Amino acid sequence: MWLRSRSSTSSRPTARVGTAELVVTDGVLVKAVARGPTTALEGHDHAESTNGCHTLEGTGTVSHGEERERVAAPGVVNHERGVTHGARNETDGTVVFTTSRCPLPA
């Protein structure tokens, strides 16, 4: 669920953690997320929503239930409703991904 690694000559700063809501409707929430080195999104679930994650840059480690997997960009991970999931950046670079929740809880 992450993207190609950023080169060490990049002028773009490394973000520790950042989020932005890109799309918010009655049924969909899409966020952009940046995670700097050694940061994590702890395990959580969405009982009423499916969660899709799309890695845009870097390589991260995704947890899905009891499983863990390294995902490099371009990569996609789907988390079904109620499945505990999270993400870790175990690299020295920044990981950038989007998350989509559909449908949003009423």
Protein backbone atom coordinates (compact mmCIF):
# COMPACT_ATOMS: atom_id res chain seq x y z
CA MET A 1 0.00 0.00 0.00
CA TRP A 2 2.89 2.41 -0.58
CA LEU A 3 4.87 3.99 -3.45
CA ARG A 4 8.28 4.16 -5.02
CA SER A 5 10.98 5.31 -2.63
CA ARG A 6 11.91 8.97 -2.61
CA SER A 7 15.45 9.66 -3.73
CA SER A 8 17.83 11.18 -1.21
CA THR A 9 18.17 14.22 -3.49
CA SER A 10 14.49 15.12 -3.26
CA SER A 11 13.76 18.67 -2.19
CA ARG A 12 10.40 17.64 -0.74
CA PRO A 13 10.52 17.61 3.08
CA THR A 14 9.91 14.40 4.98
CA ALA A 15 6.65 14.61 6.91
CA ARG A 16 6.37 12.84 10.25
CA VAL A 17 2.61 12.54 9.97
CA GLY A 18 0.10 14.39 7.86
CA THR A 19 -3.46 13.84 6.67
CA ALA A 20 -5.87 15.67 4.38
CA GLU A 21 -9.48 14.90 3.51
CA LEU A 22 -9.74 14.81 -0.29
CA VAL A 23 -13.35 13.70 -0.78
CA VAL A 24 -16.16 13.79 1.77
CA THR A 25 -19.69 12.83 0.72
CA ASP A 26 -22.60 11.10 2.41
CA GLY A 27 -21.20 7.72 1.36
CA VAL A 28 -17.44 8.09 0.85
CA LEU A 29 -14.43 9.46 2.71
CA VAL A 30 -11.06 9.63 0.92
CA LYS A 31 -7.99 10.80 2.85
CA ALA A 32 -4.37 11.35 1.85
CA VAL A 33 -1.88 10.25 4.51
CA ALA A 34 1.89 10.79 4.83
CA ARG A 35 3.91 8.87 7.41
CA GLY A 36 7.53 9.63 8.18
CA PRO A 37 10.17 7.14 9.32
CA THR A 38 9.21 4.83 12.21
CA THR A 39 5.62 6.13 12.47
CA ALA A 40 2.56 3.91 12.71
CA LEU A 41 -1.19 3.90 12.34
CA GLU A 42 -2.21 1.55 15.14
CA GLY A 43 -4.64 -1.29 14.55
CA HIS A 44 -8.31 -0.32 14.33
CA ASP A 45 -11.43 -1.42 12.47
CA HIS A 46 -14.47 0.05 10.77
CA ALA A 47 -17.48 -2.09 11.66
CA GLU A 48 -19.73 -0.47 9.05
CA SER A 49 -17.27 0.39 6.25
CA THR A 50 -14.89 -1.28 3.82
CA ASN A 51 -11.48 0.44 3.80
CA GLY A 52 -9.28 0.54 0.72
CA CYS A 53 -5.69 1.80 0.89
CA HIS A 54 -3.66 2.85 -2.16
CA THR A 55 0.09 3.33 -1.75
CA LEU A 56 1.36 6.26 -3.77
CA GLU A 57 4.95 6.52 -2.59
CA GLY A 58 7.35 4.45 -0.48
CA THR A 59 7.07 1.02 1.15
CA GLY A 60 5.12 0.25 4.29
CA THR A 61 4.09 -2.69 6.40
CA VAL A 62 0.35 -3.29 6.56
CA SER A 63 -1.43 -5.39 9.18
CA HIS A 64 -4.69 -7.11 8.26
CA GLY A 65 -6.10 -9.22 11.04
CA GLU A 66 -3.18 -11.37 12.20
CA GLU A 67 -1.25 -10.98 8.93
CA ARG A 68 1.51 -8.46 8.16
CA GLU A 69 2.78 -7.66 4.68
CA ARG A 70 5.21 -5.16 3.17
CA VAL A 71 3.52 -3.25 0.37
CA ALA A 72 5.37 -1.05 -2.12
CA ALA A 73 3.91 1.52 -4.50
CA PRO A 74 1.93 1.17 -6.48
CA GLY A 75 0.02 -1.13 -4.20
CA VAL A 76 -3.54 -1.62 -3.03
CA VAL A 77 -4.87 -3.30 0.11
CA ASN A 78 -8.55 -3.89 0.85
CA HIS A 79 -9.80 -4.25 4.44
CA GLU A 80 -13.29 -5.71 4.74
CA ARG A 81 -15.75 -4.41 7.33
CA GLY A 82 -14.79 -5.25 10.89
CA VAL A 83 -11.24 -6.47 10.10
CA THR A 84 -8.58 -4.92 12.33
CA HIS A 85 -5.92 -3.20 10.22
CA GLY A 86 -3.06 -0.73 10.57
CA ALA A 87 0.15 0.43 8.91
CA ARG A 88 3.78 1.06 9.83
CA ASN A 89 6.58 2.86 8.09
CA GLU A 90 9.66 0.81 8.96
CA THR A 91 11.86 2.64 6.43
CA ASP A 92 13.94 5.82 6.49
CA GLY A 93 11.72 7.44 3.84
CA THR A 94 8.22 8.82 3.74
CA VAL A 95 5.22 6.68 2.86
CA VAL A 96 2.26 8.35 1.14
CA PHE A 97 -1.08 6.62 0.66
CA THR A 98 -4.78 7.27 0.35
CA THR A 99 -7.53 5.58 2.32
CA SER A 100 -11.14 5.26 1.19
CA ARG A 101 -14.03 4.31 3.47
CA CYS A 102 -17.28 3.23 1.85
CA PRO A 103 -20.01 3.48 2.88
CA LEU A 104 -19.65 5.89 5.77
CA PRO A 105 -21.55 4.96 8.93
CA ALA A 106 -24.98 6.57 9.13
